[in-house]
Amino acid sequence: MTDVSEIPRTDLVLHVNGAGHRIRVDPRTTLLDVLREHLGLTGAKKGCDHGQCGACTVLLDGRRVNSCLALAVAHQDAEILTIEGLADGERLHPVQEAFLERDAYQCGYCTPGQICSAVGMLAEARAEGTELDADEIRERMSGNLCRCGAYVNIVDAIGDVAAGG
């Protein structure tokens, strides 16, 4: 049996929501666990812990990532953006506003991952020059599950932002 005190720890600095955080972790620690357990950022949720539900989605250098599958030590130089960092002070991000306006949540468990994924997906589509219709939004958001079935309102909220509304 291995004594946990014998597990080597790694020092790293993570850049999360515009701030640097120096932490010491087991090198096997996921980014999700660092965010939640070490930094107190509990917006990203542990859903399936297998990268299949999207509840843990954060933005890593602007790209959406399932943080339950990403090792923290591999992302020391990355810019990590979580749901807690999307708003500009008291002003919500346009996707957050659209989710509120369209009532695009029920229990709210998946909402942070849905919003972060939508922000990343909208940036991807803009970079590609792709116009997003409802079918394209559904396809691009297919990695984010909602147990409550708020998909219609989620797609509408994202569509509003994509259309500039």
C-alpha atoms as a PDB file:
ATOM      1  CA  MET A   1       0.000   0.000   0.000  1.00  0.00           C
ATOM      2  CA  THR A   2       1.331   3.438  -0.937  1.00  0.00           C
ATOM      3  CA  ASP A   3       1.442   6.091   1.747  1.00  0.00           C
ATOM      4  CA  VAL A   4      -0.159   9.247   0.274  1.00  0.00           C
ATOM      5  CA  SER A   5       2.519  11.350   1.920  1.00  0.00           C
ATOM      6  CA  GLU A   6       5.006   9.655  -0.432  1.00  0.00           C
ATOM      7  CA  ILE A   7       3.240  10.824  -3.617  1.00  0.00           C
ATOM      8  CA  PRO A   8       5.383  13.531  -5.205  1.00  0.00           C
ATOM      9  CA  ARG A   9       3.866  16.968  -5.526  1.00  0.00           C
ATOM     10  CA  THR A  10       4.394  19.400  -8.378  1.00  0.00           C
ATOM     11  CA  ASP A  11       4.532  23.169  -8.063  1.00  0.00           C
ATOM     12  CA  LEU A  12       2.794  25.035 -10.846  1.00  0.00           C
ATOM     13  CA  VAL A  13       1.243  28.367 -11.687  1.00  0.00           C
ATOM     14  CA  LEU A  14      -2.121  28.359 -13.401  1.00  0.00           C
ATOM     15  CA  HIS A  15      -3.582  31.446 -15.069  1.00  0.00           C
ATOM     16  CA  VAL A  16      -7.277  31.333 -14.295  1.00  0.00           C
ATOM     17  CA  ASN A  17      -9.742  34.124 -15.051  1.00  0.00           C
ATOM     18  CA  GLY A  18      -6.906  36.616 -15.507  1.00  0.00           C
ATOM     19  CA  ALA A  19      -5.054  35.825 -12.269  1.00  0.00           C
ATOM     20  CA  GLY A  20      -2.047  33.652 -11.545  1.00  0.00           C
ATOM     21  CA  HIS A  21      -2.396  30.955  -8.889  1.00  0.00           C
ATOM     22  CA  ARG A  22       0.615  29.144  -7.440  1.00  0.00           C
ATOM     23  CA  ILE A  23      -0.364  25.676  -6.246  1.00  0.00           C
ATOM     24  CA  ARG A  24       1.259  22.390  -5.274  1.00  0.00           C
ATOM     25  CA  VAL A  25      -0.559  19.308  -6.542  1.00  0.00           C
ATOM     26  CA  ASP A  26      -0.229  15.632  -7.244  1.00  0.00           C
ATOM     27  CA  PRO A  27       0.767  15.555 -10.961  1.00  0.00           C
ATOM     28  CA  ARG A  28      -2.229  13.282 -11.653  1.00  0.00           C
ATOM     29  CA  THR A  29      -4.727  15.954 -10.567  1.00  0.00           C
ATOM     30  CA  THR A  30      -7.218  17.027 -13.193  1.00  0.00           C
ATOM     31  CA  LEU A  31      -7.807  20.641 -14.059  1.00  0.00           C
ATOM     32  CA  LEU A  32     -11.390  20.250 -12.821  1.00  0.00           C
ATOM     33  CA  ASP A  33     -10.222  19.095  -9.386  1.00  0.00           C
ATOM     34  CA  VAL A  34      -7.716  21.953  -9.134  1.00  0.00           C
ATOM     35  CA  LEU A  35     -10.386  24.497 -10.046  1.00  0.00           C
ATOM     36  CA  ARG A  36     -12.916  23.134  -7.576  1.00  0.00           C
ATOM     37  CA  GLU A  37     -10.783  21.867  -4.686  1.00  0.00           C
ATOM     38  CA  HIS A  38      -7.723  24.113  -4.739  1.00  0.00           C
ATOM     39  CA  LEU A  39      -9.073  27.382  -6.141  1.00  0.00           C
ATOM     40  CA  GLY A  40     -12.669  27.233  -4.897  1.00  0.00           C
ATOM     41  CA  LEU A  41     -14.093  27.786  -8.392  1.00  0.00           C
ATOM     42  CA  THR A  42     -17.074  25.457  -8.276  1.00  0.00           C
ATOM     43  CA  GLY A  43     -18.876  26.593 -11.428  1.00  0.00           C
ATOM     44  CA  ALA A  44     -17.470  23.769 -13.544  1.00  0.00           C
ATOM     45  CA  LYS A  45     -19.254  20.629 -12.378  1.00  0.00           C
ATOM     46  CA  LYS A  46     -18.137  17.042 -12.025  1.00  0.00           C
ATOM     47  CA  GLY A  47     -20.795  15.216 -13.981  1.00  0.00           C
ATOM     48  CA  CYS A  48     -19.652  11.968 -15.532  1.00  0.00           C
ATOM     49  CA  ASP A  49     -15.892  12.338 -14.906  1.00  0.00           C
ATOM     50  CA  HIS A  50     -15.335  10.750 -18.339  1.00  0.00           C
ATOM     51  CA  GLY A  51     -15.640  13.736 -20.691  1.00  0.00           C
ATOM     52  CA  GLN A  52     -19.033  12.652 -21.971  1.00  0.00           C
ATOM     53  CA  CYS A  53     -21.449  15.179 -20.438  1.00  0.00           C
ATOM     54  CA  GLY A  54     -19.721  18.575 -20.770  1.00  0.00           C
ATOM     55  CA  ALA A  55     -20.667  19.797 -17.274  1.00  0.00           C
ATOM     56  CA  CYS A  56     -16.972  20.522 -16.621  1.00  0.00           C
ATOM     57  CA  THR A  57     -16.377  22.569 -19.799  1.00  0.00           C
ATOM     58  CA  VAL A  58     -13.989  25.518 -19.455  1.00  0.00           C
ATOM     59  CA  LEU A  59     -12.094  27.568 -22.013  1.00  0.00           C
ATOM     60  CA  LEU A  60      -8.410  26.827 -22.406  1.00  0.00           C
ATOM     61  CA  ASP A  61      -6.705  29.446 -24.570  1.00  0.00           C
ATOM     62  CA  GLY A  62     -10.161  30.178 -25.963  1.00  0.00           C
ATOM     63  CA  ARG A  63     -10.930  26.554 -26.864  1.00  0.00           C
ATOM     64  CA  ARG A  64     -13.532  24.529 -25.024  1.00  0.00           C
ATOM     65  CA  VAL A  65     -12.136  21.662 -23.007  1.00  0.00           C
ATOM     66  CA  ASN A  66     -13.568  19.014 -20.717  1.00  0.00           C
ATOM     67  CA  SER A  67     -11.579  19.877 -17.607  1.00  0.00           C
ATOM     68  CA  CYS A  68     -12.201  16.446 -16.082  1.00  0.00           C
ATOM     69  CA  LEU A  69      -9.920  14.968 -18.770  1.00  0.00           C
ATOM     70  CA  ALA A  70      -7.171  17.613 -18.668  1.00  0.00           C
ATOM     71  CA  LEU A  71      -4.271  17.245 -16.271  1.00  0.00           C
ATOM     72  CA  ALA A  72      -3.538  20.540 -14.541  1.00  0.00           C
ATOM     73  CA  VAL A  73       0.245  20.174 -14.937  1.00  0.00           C
ATOM     74  CA  ALA A  74      -0.136  20.153 -18.722  1.00  0.00           C
ATOM     75  CA  HIS A  75      -1.681  23.632 -18.764  1.00  0.00           C
ATOM     76  CA  GLN A  76       0.680  25.791 -16.772  1.00  0.00           C
ATOM     77  CA  ASP A  77       1.128  28.353 -19.553  1.00  0.00           C
ATOM     78  CA  ALA A  78      -2.479  28.346 -20.763  1.00  0.00           C
ATOM     79  CA  GLU A  79      -5.132  30.975 -20.130  1.00  0.00           C
ATOM     80  CA  ILE A  80      -8.000  29.230 -18.403  1.00  0.00           C
ATOM     81  CA  LEU A  81     -11.415  30.867 -18.351  1.00  0.00           C
ATOM     82  CA  THR A  82     -14.226  29.492 -16.208  1.00  0.00           C
ATOM     83  CA  ILE A  83     -17.848  30.556 -15.824  1.00  0.00           C
ATOM     84  CA  GLU A  84     -16.734  32.705 -12.877  1.00  0.00           C
ATOM     85  CA  GLY A  85     -14.485  34.749 -15.183  1.00  0.00           C
ATOM     86  CA  LEU A  86     -16.885  35.400 -18.063  1.00  0.00           C
ATOM     87  CA  ALA A  87     -18.661  38.430 -16.664  1.00  0.00           C
ATOM     88  CA  ASP A  88     -17.009  41.844 -16.798  1.00  0.00           C
ATOM     89  CA  GLY A  89     -17.539  42.945 -13.225  1.00  0.00           C
ATOM     90  CA  GLU A  90     -21.296  43.165 -12.739  1.00  0.00           C
ATOM     91  CA  ARG A  91     -21.930  43.059 -16.488  1.00  0.00           C
ATOM     92  CA  LEU A  92     -22.753  39.553 -17.655  1.00  0.00           C
ATOM     93  CA  HIS A  93     -21.274  38.034 -20.795  1.00  0.00           C
ATOM     94  CA  PRO A  94     -23.773  38.169 -23.711  1.00  0.00           C
ATOM     95  CA  VAL A  95     -24.215  34.381 -23.568  1.00  0.00           C
ATOM     96  CA  GLN A  96     -25.007  34.558 -19.859  1.00  0.00           C
ATOM     97  CA  GLU A  97     -27.548  37.313 -20.551  1.00  0.00           C
ATOM     98  CA  ALA A  98     -29.134  35.289 -23.345  1.00  0.00           C
ATOM     99  CA  PHE A  99     -29.438  32.214 -21.109  1.00  0.00           C
ATOM    100  CA  LEU A 100     -31.271  34.329 -18.542  1.00  0.00           C
ATOM    101  CA  GLU A 101     -33.513  35.988 -21.124  1.00  0.00           C
ATOM    102  CA  ARG A 102     -34.428  32.682 -22.779  1.00  0.00           C
ATOM    103  CA  ASP A 103     -34.751  30.749 -19.494  1.00  0.00           C
ATOM    104  CA  ALA A 104     -32.190  28.310 -20.897  1.00  0.00           C
ATOM    105  CA  TYR A 105     -31.738  26.353 -17.705  1.00  0.00           C
ATOM    106  CA  GLN A 106     -33.824  24.365 -15.289  1.00  0.00           C
ATOM    107  CA  CYS A 107     -31.851  22.778 -12.464  1.00  0.00           C
ATOM    108  CA  GLY A 108     -28.769  24.772 -13.528  1.00  0.00           C
ATOM    109  CA  TYR A 109     -26.269  21.946 -13.053  1.00  0.00           C
ATOM    110  CA  CYS A 110     -25.130  21.884 -16.680  1.00  0.00           C
ATOM    111  CA  THR A 111     -25.492  25.632 -17.238  1.00  0.00           C
ATOM    112  CA  PRO A 112     -21.868  26.705 -16.552  1.00  0.00           C
ATOM    113  CA  GLY A 113     -20.553  24.059 -18.948  1.00  0.00           C
ATOM    114  CA  GLN A 114     -23.213  24.896 -21.526  1.00  0.00           C
ATOM    115  CA  ILE A 115     -22.342  28.598 -21.362  1.00  0.00           C
ATOM    116  CA  CYS A 116     -18.575  28.073 -21.563  1.00  0.00           C
ATOM    117  CA  SER A 117     -19.055  25.669 -24.452  1.00  0.00           C
ATOM    118  CA  ALA A 118     -21.327  28.154 -26.228  1.00  0.00           C
ATOM    119  CA  VAL A 119     -18.770  30.959 -25.821  1.00  0.00           C
ATOM    120  CA  GLY A 120     -16.047  28.749 -27.299  1.00  0.00           C
ATOM    121  CA  MET A 121     -18.302  27.464 -30.062  1.00  0.00           C
ATOM    122  CA  LEU A 122     -19.359  30.962 -31.085  1.00  0.00           C
ATOM    123  CA  ALA A 123     -15.694  32.000 -31.294  1.00  0.00           C
ATOM    124  CA  GLU A 124     -14.927  28.918 -33.415  1.00  0.00           C
ATOM    125  CA  ALA A 125     -17.777  29.695 -35.803  1.00  0.00           C
ATOM    126  CA  ARG A 126     -16.703  33.359 -36.096  1.00  0.00           C
ATOM    127  CA  ALA A 127     -13.113  32.314 -36.860  1.00  0.00           C
ATOM    128  CA  GLU A 128     -14.373  29.930 -39.548  1.00  0.00           C
ATOM    129  CA  GLY A 129     -16.816  32.452 -40.957  1.00  0.00           C
ATOM    130  CA  THR A 130     -19.633  29.968 -40.390  1.00  0.00           C
ATOM    131  CA  GLU A 131     -23.198  31.200 -39.951  1.00  0.00           C
ATOM    132  CA  LEU A 132     -25.018  29.288 -37.260  1.00  0.00           C
ATOM    133  CA  ASP A 133     -28.535  28.020 -37.668  1.00  0.00           C
ATOM    134  CA  ALA A 134     -30.354  25.909 -35.060  1.00  0.00           C
ATOM    135  CA  ASP A 135     -29.168  22.616 -36.570  1.00  0.00           C
ATOM    136  CA  GLU A 136     -25.540  23.743 -36.601  1.00  0.00           C
ATOM    137  CA  ILE A 137     -25.786  24.978 -33.004  1.00  0.00           C
ATOM    138  CA  ARG A 138     -27.278  21.649 -31.888  1.00  0.00           C
ATOM    139  CA  GLU A 139     -24.515  19.740 -33.660  1.00  0.00           C
ATOM    140  CA  ARG A 140     -21.712  21.878 -32.227  1.00  0.00           C
ATOM    141  CA  MET A 141     -23.185  21.730 -28.715  1.00  0.00           C
ATOM    142  CA  SER A 142     -23.808  17.962 -28.811  1.00  0.00           C
ATOM    143  CA  GLY A 143     -21.045  17.295 -26.266  1.00  0.00           C
ATOM    144  CA  ASN A 144     -22.969  19.155 -23.574  1.00  0.00           C
ATOM    145  CA  LEU A 145     -25.848  17.236 -22.055  1.00  0.00           C
ATOM    146  CA  CYS A 146     -28.810  18.662 -20.150  1.00  0.00           C
ATOM    147  CA  ARG A 147     -30.640  16.158 -17.981  1.00  0.00           C
ATOM    148  CA  CYS A 148     -33.625  18.513 -17.679  1.00  0.00           C
ATOM    149  CA  GLY A 149     -34.076  18.859 -21.431  1.00  0.00           C
ATOM    150  CA  ALA A 150     -33.747  22.646 -21.746  1.00  0.00           C
ATOM    151  CA  TYR A 151     -32.231  22.216 -25.205  1.00  0.00           C
ATOM    152  CA  VAL A 152     -34.798  24.290 -27.090  1.00  0.00           C
ATOM    153  CA  ASN A 153     -34.114  27.362 -24.954  1.00  0.00           C
ATOM    154  CA  ILE A 154     -30.350  26.733 -24.937  1.00  0.00           C
ATOM    155  CA  VAL A 155     -30.281  26.635 -28.749  1.00  0.00           C
ATOM    156  CA  ASP A 156     -32.469  29.768 -28.916  1.00  0.00           C
ATOM    157  CA  ALA A 157     -30.205  31.646 -26.481  1.00  0.00           C
ATOM    158  CA  ILE A 158     -27.075  30.751 -28.438  1.00  0.00           C
ATOM    159  CA  GLY A 159     -28.871  31.625 -31.689  1.00  0.00           C
ATOM    160  CA  ASP A 160     -29.713  35.072 -30.286  1.00  0.00           C
ATOM    161  CA  VAL A 161     -26.038  35.763 -29.537  1.00  0.00           C
ATOM    162  CA  ALA A 162     -24.911  34.339 -32.885  1.00  0.00           C
ATOM    163  CA  ALA A 163     -27.362  36.664 -34.631  1.00  0.00           C
ATOM    164  CA  GLY A 164     -26.041  39.622 -32.710  1.00  0.00           C
ATOM    165  CA  GLY A 165     -29.031  39.891 -30.393  1.00  0.00           C
END
